[in-house]
Amino acid sequence: MSQKIKNILFDLGGVIINLNKQEALNRFTAIGFPNIEDYLGEFRQEGIFLEYEEGKISPEGFYKEFRKLCGNDNIAAEDIDNGWLGFLAGIPPYKFELLKELRKKYKVYLLSNTNPSVIKWASSEAFSPEGLPIQAYFDKCYLSFEIGHAKPDREIFDFILADSGMIPSETLFLDDGKANIEIGKEIGFETCLVDQTEDLRKVFTDRDLL
Protein backbone atom coordinates (compact mmCIF):
# COMPACT_ATOMS: atom_id res chain seq x y z
CA MET A 1 0.00 0.00 0.00
CA SER A 2 2.78 2.43 0.88
CA GLN A 3 3.95 2.69 -2.71
CA LYS A 4 0.62 3.84 -4.11
CA ILE A 5 -0.83 6.02 -1.34
CA LYS A 6 -0.35 9.75 -1.95
CA ASN A 7 -3.24 11.20 0.05
CA ILE A 8 -4.67 10.67 3.53
CA LEU A 9 -8.32 11.68 4.08
CA PHE A 10 -9.39 11.97 7.73
CA ASP A 11 -12.77 12.26 9.36
CA LEU A 12 -12.77 14.62 12.35
CA GLY A 13 -15.09 13.42 15.12
CA GLY A 14 -14.31 9.91 16.30
CA VAL A 15 -11.02 9.84 14.37
CA ILE A 16 -9.08 13.00 15.26
CA ILE A 17 -11.30 14.26 18.08
CA ASN A 18 -12.71 11.83 20.64
CA LEU A 19 -16.49 12.13 20.91
CA ASN A 20 -18.87 12.12 23.87
CA LYS A 21 -22.40 12.15 22.49
CA GLN A 22 -23.96 11.85 25.95
CA GLU A 23 -22.36 15.11 27.09
CA ALA A 24 -23.88 16.90 24.09
CA LEU A 25 -27.28 15.37 24.87
CA ASN A 26 -26.94 16.50 28.49
CA ARG A 27 -26.03 20.07 27.55
CA PHE A 28 -28.85 20.48 25.03
CA THR A 29 -31.32 18.95 27.48
CA ALA A 30 -30.14 21.30 30.24
CA ILE A 31 -31.01 24.37 28.17
CA GLY A 32 -34.45 23.02 27.39
CA PHE A 33 -34.35 21.22 24.05
CA PRO A 34 -37.06 18.52 23.98
CA ASN A 35 -36.44 15.00 22.68
CA ILE A 36 -32.86 15.81 21.72
CA GLU A 37 -32.16 12.07 21.20
CA ASP A 38 -34.37 12.24 18.08
CA TYR A 39 -32.02 14.77 16.48
CA LEU A 40 -28.47 13.76 17.38
CA GLY A 41 -26.91 10.61 15.93
CA GLU A 42 -23.47 9.07 16.25
CA PHE A 43 -22.52 9.86 12.66
CA ARG A 44 -25.26 12.10 11.21
CA GLN A 45 -27.85 14.47 12.62
CA GLU A 46 -31.55 15.01 11.87
CA GLY A 47 -33.93 17.95 11.43
CA ILE A 48 -32.51 21.41 11.98
CA PHE A 49 -29.29 19.85 13.27
CA LEU A 50 -28.69 18.19 9.89
CA GLU A 51 -29.73 21.37 8.07
CA TYR A 52 -27.08 23.21 10.06
CA GLU A 53 -24.40 20.66 9.15
CA GLU A 54 -25.40 20.79 5.48
CA GLY A 55 -25.28 24.59 5.38
CA LYS A 56 -28.99 24.83 4.60
CA ILE A 57 -29.51 27.10 7.58
CA SER A 58 -27.27 29.89 8.92
CA PRO A 59 -26.09 30.07 12.53
CA GLU A 60 -28.67 32.78 13.21
CA GLY A 61 -31.36 30.67 11.55
CA PHE A 62 -30.34 27.63 13.57
CA TYR A 63 -30.45 29.57 16.84
CA LYS A 64 -33.90 30.91 15.94
CA GLU A 65 -35.32 27.47 15.11
CA PHE A 66 -33.64 25.95 18.16
CA ARG A 67 -35.30 28.52 20.43
CA LYS A 68 -38.65 27.97 18.71
CA LEU A 69 -38.49 24.21 19.33
CA CYS A 70 -37.60 24.91 22.97
CA GLY A 71 -40.37 27.46 23.36
CA ASN A 72 -37.85 29.90 24.79
CA ASP A 73 -36.63 32.99 22.90
CA ASN A 74 -34.05 33.82 25.56
CA ILE A 75 -31.56 30.97 25.13
CA ALA A 76 -28.14 32.49 24.43
CA ALA A 77 -26.32 31.59 21.23
CA GLU A 78 -23.26 30.80 23.35
CA ASP A 79 -25.23 28.20 25.30
CA ILE A 80 -26.40 26.56 22.06
CA ASP A 81 -22.83 26.51 20.73
CA ASN A 82 -21.73 25.01 24.04
CA GLY A 83 -24.15 22.15 23.48
CA TRP A 84 -22.40 21.28 20.23
CA LEU A 85 -19.02 21.48 21.94
CA GLY A 86 -20.21 18.86 24.40
CA PHE A 87 -19.54 16.32 21.65
CA LEU A 88 -15.83 17.07 21.80
CA ALA A 89 -13.96 15.01 24.38
CA GLY A 90 -10.43 16.07 23.51
CA ILE A 91 -7.62 15.16 21.13
CA PRO A 92 -4.83 12.81 22.22
CA PRO A 93 -1.64 14.90 21.92
CA TYR A 94 0.15 12.37 19.71
CA LYS A 95 -2.35 13.01 16.91
CA PHE A 96 -1.05 16.53 16.33
CA GLU A 97 2.45 15.14 15.84
CA LEU A 98 1.11 12.34 13.64
CA LEU A 99 -0.60 14.81 11.32
CA LYS A 100 2.58 16.87 11.00
CA GLU A 101 4.62 13.75 10.28
CA LEU A 102 2.18 12.51 7.63
CA ARG A 103 2.24 15.85 5.83
CA LYS A 104 5.94 15.37 5.14
CA LYS A 105 5.07 12.48 2.80
CA TYR A 106 1.43 12.86 1.80
CA LYS A 107 -1.32 15.32 1.06
CA VAL A 108 -3.46 15.28 4.19
CA TYR A 109 -7.11 16.28 3.98
CA LEU A 110 -10.05 16.54 6.37
CA LEU A 111 -13.64 15.60 5.47
CA SER A 112 -16.09 16.31 8.27
CA ASN A 113 -19.81 16.49 8.87
CA THR A 114 -19.74 19.59 11.02
CA ASN A 115 -21.14 23.08 11.50
CA PRO A 116 -20.10 26.69 12.21
CA SER A 117 -20.47 26.28 15.98
CA VAL A 118 -17.81 23.55 16.08
CA ILE A 119 -15.55 25.08 13.46
CA LYS A 120 -15.52 28.44 15.25
CA TRP A 121 -13.79 26.65 18.12
CA ALA A 122 -11.60 24.48 15.86
CA SER A 123 -10.43 27.53 13.93
CA SER A 124 -9.20 29.22 17.09
CA GLU A 125 -6.00 28.86 19.11
CA ALA A 126 -7.95 26.68 21.55
CA PHE A 127 -7.82 23.79 19.07
CA SER A 128 -4.26 22.66 19.77
CA PRO A 129 -1.61 22.80 22.52
CA GLU A 130 0.51 24.87 20.13
CA GLY A 131 -2.24 27.46 19.80
CA LEU A 132 -2.71 26.61 16.12
CA PRO A 133 -6.11 26.26 14.40
CA ILE A 134 -7.28 23.10 12.70
CA GLN A 135 -6.38 24.48 9.27
CA ALA A 136 -2.68 24.37 10.22
CA TYR A 137 -2.72 20.56 10.33
CA PHE A 138 -4.27 19.78 6.94
CA ASP A 139 -3.61 20.67 3.33
CA LYS A 140 -7.32 21.45 3.07
CA CYS A 141 -10.39 21.04 5.27
CA TYR A 142 -13.61 19.95 3.56
CA LEU A 143 -16.61 20.78 5.74
CA SER A 144 -20.16 19.61 5.13
CA PHE A 145 -21.81 22.95 5.88
CA GLU A 146 -19.59 24.69 3.32
CA ILE A 147 -20.12 22.05 0.63
CA GLY A 148 -23.87 21.68 1.14
CA HIS A 149 -23.89 17.91 1.62
CA ALA A 150 -23.06 15.51 4.44
CA LYS A 151 -21.52 12.05 4.46
CA PRO A 152 -22.49 9.44 3.38
CA ASP A 153 -24.09 11.36 0.45
CA ARG A 154 -22.16 10.69 -2.74
CA GLU A 155 -22.20 14.41 -3.65
CA ILE A 156 -19.79 15.41 -0.89
CA PHE A 157 -17.24 12.88 -2.14
CA ASP A 158 -17.70 13.97 -5.75
CA PHE A 159 -17.04 17.55 -4.66
CA ILE A 160 -13.78 16.84 -2.84
CA LEU A 161 -12.45 14.66 -5.63
CA ALA A 162 -13.13 17.37 -8.23
CA ASP A 163 -11.70 20.10 -6.03
CA SER A 164 -8.55 18.34 -4.84
CA GLY A 165 -7.74 16.22 -7.87
CA MET A 166 -6.99 13.27 -5.59
CA ILE A 167 -7.33 9.81 -7.12
CA PRO A 168 -9.38 7.45 -4.89
CA SER A 169 -7.05 4.47 -5.37
CA GLU A 170 -4.15 6.64 -4.17
CA THR A 171 -6.05 7.80 -1.07
CA LEU A 172 -6.46 6.23 2.37
CA PHE A 173 -9.80 7.28 3.90
CA LEU A 174 -10.23 6.97 7.68
CA ASP A 175 -13.70 7.30 9.23
CA ASP A 176 -15.57 5.92 12.23
CA GLY A 177 -18.89 5.59 10.40
CA LYS A 178 -19.59 2.29 8.65
CA ALA A 179 -21.89 3.88 6.04
CA ASN A 180 -19.18 6.43 5.21
CA ILE A 181 -16.59 3.71 4.78
CA GLU A 182 -18.93 1.69 2.55
CA ILE A 183 -19.45 4.59 0.14
CA GLY A 184 -15.70 5.22 0.26
CA LYS A 185 -15.05 1.65 -0.86
CA GLU A 186 -17.58 2.01 -3.68
CA ILE A 187 -15.77 5.12 -4.90
CA GLY A 188 -12.44 3.30 -4.83
CA PHE A 189 -10.67 4.64 -1.75
CA GLU A 190 -8.44 2.50 0.38
CA THR A 191 -10.39 2.60 3.64
CA CYS A 192 -9.97 2.13 7.37
CA LEU A 193 -12.88 1.95 9.81
CA VAL A 194 -11.56 3.61 12.96
CA ASP A 195 -12.49 3.21 16.60
CA GLN A 196 -11.62 6.33 18.58
CA THR A 197 -9.97 4.26 21.30
CA GLU A 198 -7.31 2.81 18.98
CA ASP A 199 -3.87 4.28 18.39
CA LEU A 200 -3.80 5.78 14.89
CA ARG A 201 -0.04 5.39 14.72
CA LYS A 202 -0.55 1.64 14.48
CA VAL A 203 -2.97 2.13 11.56
CA PHE A 204 -0.17 3.73 9.58
CA THR A 205 2.74 1.58 10.71
CA ASP A 206 0.75 -1.60 9.95
CA ARG A 207 0.30 -0.28 6.38
CA ASP A 208 3.94 0.79 6.09
CA LEU A 209 2.85 4.42 5.71
CA LEU A 210 5.03 5.90 8.44
C-alpha atoms as a PDB file:
ATOM      1  CA  MET A   1       0.000   0.000   0.000  1.00  0.00           C
ATOM      2  CA  SER A   2       2.778   2.432   0.882  1.00  0.00           C
ATOM      3  CA  GLN A   3       3.953   2.692  -2.706  1.00  0.00           C
ATOM      4  CA  LYS A   4       0.625   3.844  -4.112  1.00  0.00           C
ATOM      5  CA  ILE A   5      -0.834   6.021  -1.343  1.00  0.00           C
ATOM      6  CA  LYS A   6      -0.351   9.746  -1.955  1.00  0.00           C
ATOM      7  CA  ASN A   7      -3.239  11.204   0.050  1.00  0.00           C
ATOM      8  CA  ILE A   8      -4.671  10.674   3.527  1.00  0.00           C
ATOM      9  CA  LEU A   9      -8.320  11.682   4.084  1.00  0.00           C
ATOM     10  CA  PHE A  10      -9.391  11.974   7.725  1.00  0.00           C
ATOM     11  CA  ASP A  11     -12.774  12.262   9.359  1.00  0.00           C
ATOM     12  CA  LEU A  12     -12.770  14.622  12.352  1.00  0.00           C
ATOM     13  CA  GLY A  13     -15.085  13.418  15.119  1.00  0.00           C
ATOM     14  CA  GLY A  14     -14.308   9.907  16.298  1.00  0.00           C
ATOM     15  CA  VAL A  15     -11.024   9.843  14.370  1.00  0.00           C
ATOM     16  CA  ILE A  16      -9.078  13.001  15.263  1.00  0.00           C
ATOM     17  CA  ILE A  17     -11.297  14.262  18.077  1.00  0.00           C
ATOM     18  CA  ASN A  18     -12.705  11.832  20.642  1.00  0.00           C
ATOM     19  CA  LEU A  19     -16.486  12.133  20.914  1.00  0.00           C
ATOM     20  CA  ASN A  20     -18.867  12.119  23.869  1.00  0.00           C
ATOM     21  CA  LYS A  21     -22.401  12.149  22.486  1.00  0.00           C
ATOM     22  CA  GLN A  22     -23.956  11.847  25.947  1.00  0.00           C
ATOM     23  CA  GLU A  23     -22.362  15.106  27.088  1.00  0.00           C
ATOM     24  CA  ALA A  24     -23.876  16.899  24.094  1.00  0.00           C
ATOM     25  CA  LEU A  25     -27.285  15.372  24.869  1.00  0.00           C
ATOM     26  CA  ASN A  26     -26.941  16.497  28.491  1.00  0.00           C
ATOM     27  CA  ARG A  27     -26.033  20.067  27.555  1.00  0.00           C
ATOM     28  CA  PHE A  28     -28.846  20.477  25.031  1.00  0.00           C
ATOM     29  CA  THR A  29     -31.322  18.951  27.478  1.00  0.00           C
ATOM     30  CA  ALA A  30     -30.135  21.296  30.236  1.00  0.00           C
ATOM     31  CA  ILE A  31     -31.006  24.368  28.170  1.00  0.00           C
ATOM     32  CA  GLY A  32     -34.454  23.024  27.386  1.00  0.00           C
ATOM     33  CA  PHE A  33     -34.349  21.219  24.047  1.00  0.00           C
ATOM     34  CA  PRO A  34     -37.056  18.523  23.982  1.00  0.00           C
ATOM     35  CA  ASN A  35     -36.437  14.996  22.685  1.00  0.00           C
ATOM     36  CA  ILE A  36     -32.856  15.806  21.718  1.00  0.00           C
ATOM     37  CA  GLU A  37     -32.163  12.070  21.203  1.00  0.00           C
ATOM     38  CA  ASP A  38     -34.365  12.245  18.083  1.00  0.00           C
ATOM     39  CA  TYR A  39     -32.020  14.767  16.476  1.00  0.00           C
ATOM     40  CA  LEU A  40     -28.473  13.757  17.377  1.00  0.00           C
ATOM     41  CA  GLY A  41     -26.913  10.606  15.933  1.00  0.00           C
ATOM     42  CA  GLU A  42     -23.471   9.071  16.251  1.00  0.00           C
ATOM     43  CA  PHE A  43     -22.521   9.859  12.659  1.00  0.00           C
ATOM     44  CA  ARG A  44     -25.259  12.097  11.210  1.00  0.00           C
ATOM     45  CA  GLN A  45     -27.848  14.475  12.617  1.00  0.00           C
ATOM     46  CA  GLU A  46     -31.553  15.006  11.873  1.00  0.00           C
ATOM     47  CA  GLY A  47     -33.932  17.946  11.430  1.00  0.00           C
ATOM     48  CA  ILE A  48     -32.513  21.414  11.982  1.00  0.00           C
ATOM     49  CA  PHE A  49     -29.292  19.849  13.266  1.00  0.00           C
ATOM     50  CA  LEU A  50     -28.695  18.190   9.891  1.00  0.00           C
ATOM     51  CA  GLU A  51     -29.733  21.367   8.066  1.00  0.00           C
ATOM     52  CA  TYR A  52     -27.075  23.215  10.057  1.00  0.00           C
ATOM     53  CA  GLU A  53     -24.400  20.663   9.153  1.00  0.00           C
ATOM     54  CA  GLU A  54     -25.399  20.794   5.478  1.00  0.00           C
ATOM     55  CA  GLY A  55     -25.284  24.589   5.383  1.00  0.00           C
ATOM     56  CA  LYS A  56     -28.990  24.834   4.596  1.00  0.00           C
ATOM     57  CA  ILE A  57     -29.505  27.104   7.583  1.00  0.00           C
ATOM     58  CA  SER A  58     -27.274  29.890   8.921  1.00  0.00           C
ATOM     59  CA  PRO A  59     -26.091  30.074  12.533  1.00  0.00           C
ATOM     60  CA  GLU A  60     -28.669  32.780  13.208  1.00  0.00           C
ATOM     61  CA  GLY A  61     -31.357  30.671  11.550  1.00  0.00           C
ATOM     62  CA  PHE A  62     -30.344  27.630  13.567  1.00  0.00           C
ATOM     63  CA  TYR A  63     -30.449  29.566  16.835  1.00  0.00           C
ATOM     64  CA  LYS A  64     -33.897  30.910  15.937  1.00  0.00           C
ATOM     65  CA  GLU A  65     -35.318  27.470  15.106  1.00  0.00           C
ATOM     66  CA  PHE A  66     -33.642  25.948  18.163  1.00  0.00           C
ATOM     67  CA  ARG A  67     -35.298  28.521  20.429  1.00  0.00           C
ATOM     68  CA  LYS A  68     -38.650  27.966  18.712  1.00  0.00           C
ATOM     69  CA  LEU A  69     -38.488  24.210  19.335  1.00  0.00           C
ATOM     70  CA  CYS A  70     -37.595  24.912  22.971  1.00  0.00           C
ATOM     71  CA  GLY A  71     -40.374  27.457  23.357  1.00  0.00           C
ATOM     72  CA  ASN A  72     -37.854  29.899  24.791  1.00  0.00           C
ATOM     73  CA  ASP A  73     -36.626  32.991  22.902  1.00  0.00           C
ATOM     74  CA  ASN A  74     -34.046  33.820  25.565  1.00  0.00           C
ATOM     75  CA  ILE A  75     -31.557  30.973  25.126  1.00  0.00           C
ATOM     76  CA  ALA A  76     -28.144  32.489  24.434  1.00  0.00           C
ATOM     77  CA  ALA A  77     -26.317  31.589  21.233  1.00  0.00           C
ATOM     78  CA  GLU A  78     -23.258  30.804  23.351  1.00  0.00           C
ATOM     79  CA  ASP A  79     -25.232  28.197  25.296  1.00  0.00           C
ATOM     80  CA  ILE A  80     -26.396  26.557  22.064  1.00  0.00           C
ATOM     81  CA  ASP A  81     -22.825  26.509  20.731  1.00  0.00           C
ATOM     82  CA  ASN A  82     -21.726  25.008  24.045  1.00  0.00           C
ATOM     83  CA  GLY A  83     -24.154  22.146  23.476  1.00  0.00           C
ATOM     84  CA  TRP A  84     -22.402  21.277  20.226  1.00  0.00           C
ATOM     85  CA  LEU A  85     -19.021  21.485  21.936  1.00  0.00           C
ATOM     86  CA  GLY A  86     -20.207  18.860  24.397  1.00  0.00           C
ATOM     87  CA  PHE A  87     -19.541  16.321  21.652  1.00  0.00           C
ATOM     88  CA  LEU A  88     -15.829  17.070  21.801  1.00  0.00           C
ATOM     89  CA  ALA A  89     -13.961  15.010  24.384  1.00  0.00           C
ATOM     90  CA  GLY A  90     -10.428  16.072  23.506  1.00  0.00           C
ATOM     91  CA  ILE A  91      -7.623  15.163  21.130  1.00  0.00           C
ATOM     92  CA  PRO A  92      -4.830  12.811  22.225  1.00  0.00           C
ATOM     93  CA  PRO A  93      -1.638  14.899  21.921  1.00  0.00           C
ATOM     94  CA  TYR A  94       0.150  12.366  19.708  1.00  0.00           C
ATOM     95  CA  LYS A  95      -2.355  13.009  16.910  1.00  0.00           C
ATOM     96  CA  PHE A  96      -1.052  16.527  16.326  1.00  0.00           C
ATOM     97  CA  GLU A  97       2.453  15.141  15.842  1.00  0.00           C
ATOM     98  CA  LEU A  98       1.114  12.338  13.645  1.00  0.00           C
ATOM     99  CA  LEU A  99      -0.600  14.810  11.323  1.00  0.00           C
ATOM    100  CA  LYS A 100       2.581  16.872  11.005  1.00  0.00           C
ATOM    101  CA  GLU A 101       4.615  13.754  10.278  1.00  0.00           C
ATOM    102  CA  LEU A 102       2.184  12.507   7.629  1.00  0.00           C
ATOM    103  CA  ARG A 103       2.239  15.847   5.833  1.00  0.00           C
ATOM    104  CA  LYS A 104       5.944  15.368   5.144  1.00  0.00           C
ATOM    105  CA  LYS A 105       5.075  12.479   2.804  1.00  0.00           C
ATOM    106  CA  TYR A 106       1.428  12.862   1.801  1.00  0.00           C
ATOM    107  CA  LYS A 107      -1.319  15.323   1.061  1.00  0.00           C
ATOM    108  CA  VAL A 108      -3.457  15.279   4.189  1.00  0.00           C
ATOM    109  CA  TYR A 109      -7.113  16.279   3.980  1.00  0.00           C
ATOM    110  CA  LEU A 110     -10.051  16.537   6.372  1.00  0.00           C
ATOM    111  CA  LEU A 111     -13.638  15.603   5.470  1.00  0.00           C
ATOM    112  CA  SER A 112     -16.086  16.305   8.274  1.00  0.00           C
ATOM    113  CA  ASN A 113     -19.808  16.488   8.868  1.00  0.00           C
ATOM    114  CA  THR A 114     -19.745  19.590  11.024  1.00  0.00           C
ATOM    115  CA  ASN A 115     -21.141  23.078  11.496  1.00  0.00           C
ATOM    116  CA  PRO A 116     -20.104  26.685  12.206  1.00  0.00           C
ATOM    117  CA  SER A 117     -20.471  26.276  15.978  1.00  0.00           C
ATOM    118  CA  VAL A 118     -17.807  23.548  16.081  1.00  0.00           C
ATOM    119  CA  ILE A 119     -15.549  25.076  13.456  1.00  0.00           C
ATOM    120  CA  LYS A 120     -15.521  28.440  15.247  1.00  0.00           C
ATOM    121  CA  TRP A 121     -13.793  26.648  18.118  1.00  0.00           C
ATOM    122  CA  ALA A 122     -11.604  24.480  15.859  1.00  0.00           C
ATOM    123  CA  SER A 123     -10.426  27.525  13.925  1.00  0.00           C
ATOM    124  CA  SER A 124      -9.205  29.215  17.088  1.00  0.00           C
ATOM    125  CA  GLU A 125      -5.996  28.859  19.109  1.00  0.00           C
ATOM    126  CA  ALA A 126      -7.949  26.679  21.553  1.00  0.00           C
ATOM    127  CA  PHE A 127      -7.823  23.795  19.072  1.00  0.00           C
ATOM    128  CA  SER A 128      -4.262  22.656  19.775  1.00  0.00           C
ATOM    129  CA  PRO A 129      -1.614  22.802  22.518  1.00  0.00           C
ATOM    130  CA  GLU A 130       0.514  24.875  20.129  1.00  0.00           C
ATOM    131  CA  GLY A 131      -2.241  27.463  19.799  1.00  0.00           C
ATOM    132  CA  LEU A 132      -2.711  26.606  16.121  1.00  0.00           C
ATOM    133  CA  PRO A 133      -6.112  26.265  14.397  1.00  0.00           C
ATOM    134  CA  ILE A 134      -7.282  23.100  12.703  1.00  0.00           C
ATOM    135  CA  GLN A 135      -6.385  24.475   9.272  1.00  0.00           C
ATOM    136  CA  ALA A 136      -2.682  24.366  10.221  1.00  0.00           C
ATOM    137  CA  TYR A 137      -2.721  20.559  10.331  1.00  0.00           C
ATOM    138  CA  PHE A 138      -4.269  19.776   6.940  1.00  0.00           C
ATOM    139  CA  ASP A 139      -3.606  20.670   3.330  1.00  0.00           C
ATOM    140  CA  LYS A 140      -7.317  21.445   3.066  1.00  0.00           C
ATOM    141  CA  CYS A 141     -10.389  21.042   5.267  1.00  0.00           C
ATOM    142  CA  TYR A 142     -13.606  19.948   3.561  1.00  0.00           C
ATOM    143  CA  LEU A 143     -16.610  20.779   5.736  1.00  0.00           C
ATOM    144  CA  SER A 144     -20.158  19.610   5.134  1.00  0.00           C
ATOM    145  CA  PHE A 145     -21.805  22.947   5.876  1.00  0.00           C
ATOM    146  CA  GLU A 146     -19.592  24.692   3.324  1.00  0.00           C
ATOM    147  CA  ILE A 147     -20.125  22.047   0.628  1.00  0.00           C
ATOM    148  CA  GLY A 148     -23.874  21.685   1.138  1.00  0.00           C
ATOM    149  CA  HIS A 149     -23.893  17.911   1.618  1.00  0.00           C
ATOM    150  CA  ALA A 150     -23.061  15.511   4.436  1.00  0.00           C
ATOM    151  CA  LYS A 151     -21.521  12.055   4.464  1.00  0.00           C
ATOM    152  CA  PRO A 152     -22.495   9.438   3.378  1.00  0.00           C
ATOM    153  CA  ASP A 153     -24.085  11.358   0.454  1.00  0.00           C
ATOM    154  CA  ARG A 154     -22.156  10.690  -2.742  1.00  0.00           C
ATOM    155  CA  GLU A 155     -22.204  14.409  -3.645  1.00  0.00           C
ATOM    156  CA  ILE A 156     -19.794  15.405  -0.891  1.00  0.00           C
ATOM    157  CA  PHE A 157     -17.240  12.883  -2.136  1.00  0.00           C
ATOM    158  CA  ASP A 158     -17.701  13.968  -5.753  1.00  0.00           C
ATOM    159  CA  PHE A 159     -17.035  17.553  -4.660  1.00  0.00           C
ATOM    160  CA  ILE A 160     -13.780  16.845  -2.838  1.00  0.00           C
ATOM    161  CA  LEU A 161     -12.445  14.658  -5.635  1.00  0.00           C
ATOM    162  CA  ALA A 162     -13.131  17.365  -8.227  1.00  0.00           C
ATOM    163  CA  ASP A 163     -11.697  20.103  -6.030  1.00  0.00           C
ATOM    164  CA  SER A 164      -8.549  18.337  -4.840  1.00  0.00           C
ATOM    165  CA  GLY A 165      -7.744  16.217  -7.868  1.00  0.00           C
ATOM    166  CA  MET A 166      -6.992  13.275  -5.592  1.00  0.00           C
ATOM    167  CA  ILE A 167      -7.334   9.808  -7.122  1.00  0.00           C
ATOM    168  CA  PRO A 168      -9.379   7.450  -4.892  1.00  0.00           C
ATOM    169  CA  SER A 169      -7.048   4.467  -5.368  1.00  0.00           C
ATOM    170  CA  GLU A 170      -4.155   6.637  -4.167  1.00  0.00           C
ATOM    171  CA  THR A 171      -6.045   7.796  -1.067  1.00  0.00           C
ATOM    172  CA  LEU A 172      -6.464   6.225   2.373  1.00  0.00           C
ATOM    173  CA  PHE A 173      -9.799   7.275   3.903  1.00  0.00           C
ATOM    174  CA  LEU A 174     -10.235   6.968   7.678  1.00  0.00           C
ATOM    175  CA  ASP A 175     -13.699   7.302   9.229  1.00  0.00           C
ATOM    176  CA  ASP A 176     -15.566   5.924  12.233  1.00  0.00           C
ATOM    177  CA  GLY A 177     -18.893   5.589  10.395  1.00  0.00           C
ATOM    178  CA  LYS A 178     -19.594   2.288   8.652  1.00  0.00           C
ATOM    179  CA  ALA A 179     -21.887   3.883   6.045  1.00  0.00           C
ATOM    180  CA  ASN A 180     -19.184   6.431   5.206  1.00  0.00           C
ATOM    181  CA  ILE A 181     -16.585   3.706   4.779  1.00  0.00           C
ATOM    182  CA  GLU A 182     -18.934   1.694   2.554  1.00  0.00           C
ATOM    183  CA  ILE A 183     -19.452   4.589   0.136  1.00  0.00           C
ATOM    184  CA  GLY A 184     -15.699   5.223   0.261  1.00  0.00           C
ATOM    185  CA  LYS A 185     -15.049   1.652  -0.857  1.00  0.00           C
ATOM    186  CA  GLU A 186     -17.584   2.013  -3.683  1.00  0.00           C
ATOM    187  CA  ILE A 187     -15.773   5.117  -4.900  1.00  0.00           C
ATOM    188  CA  GLY A 188     -12.442   3.299  -4.834  1.00  0.00           C
ATOM    189  CA  PHE A 189     -10.668   4.642  -1.751  1.00  0.00           C
ATOM    190  CA  GLU A 190      -8.438   2.500   0.384  1.00  0.00           C
ATOM    191  CA  THR A 191     -10.391   2.597   3.644  1.00  0.00           C
ATOM    192  CA  CYS A 192      -9.970   2.131   7.367  1.00  0.00           C
ATOM    193  CA  LEU A 193     -12.884   1.950   9.812  1.00  0.00           C
ATOM    194  CA  VAL A 194     -11.556   3.607  12.959  1.00  0.00           C
ATOM    195  CA  ASP A 195     -12.487   3.206  16.604  1.00  0.00           C
ATOM    196  CA  GLN A 196     -11.616   6.331  18.582  1.00  0.00           C
ATOM    197  CA  THR A 197      -9.966   4.260  21.297  1.00  0.00           C
ATOM    198  CA  GLU A 198      -7.310   2.812  18.976  1.00  0.00           C
ATOM    199  CA  ASP A 199      -3.875   4.283  18.386  1.00  0.00           C
ATOM    200  CA  LEU A 200      -3.800   5.776  14.891  1.00  0.00           C
ATOM    201  CA  ARG A 201      -0.040   5.393  14.716  1.00  0.00           C
ATOM    202  CA  LYS A 202      -0.551   1.636  14.475  1.00  0.00           C
ATOM    203  CA  VAL A 203      -2.973   2.127  11.560  1.00  0.00           C
ATOM    204  CA  PHE A 204      -0.166   3.726   9.585  1.00  0.00           C
ATOM    205  CA  THR A 205       2.742   1.576  10.714  1.00  0.00           C
ATOM    206  CA  ASP A 206       0.753  -1.595   9.946  1.00  0.00           C
ATOM    207  CA  ARG A 207       0.301  -0.283   6.382  1.00  0.00           C
ATOM    208  CA  ASP A 208       3.942   0.794   6.095  1.00  0.00           C
ATOM    209  CA  LEU A 209       2.854   4.425   5.711  1.00  0.00           C
ATOM    210  CA  LEU A 210       5.032   5.904   8.445  1.00  0.00           C
END
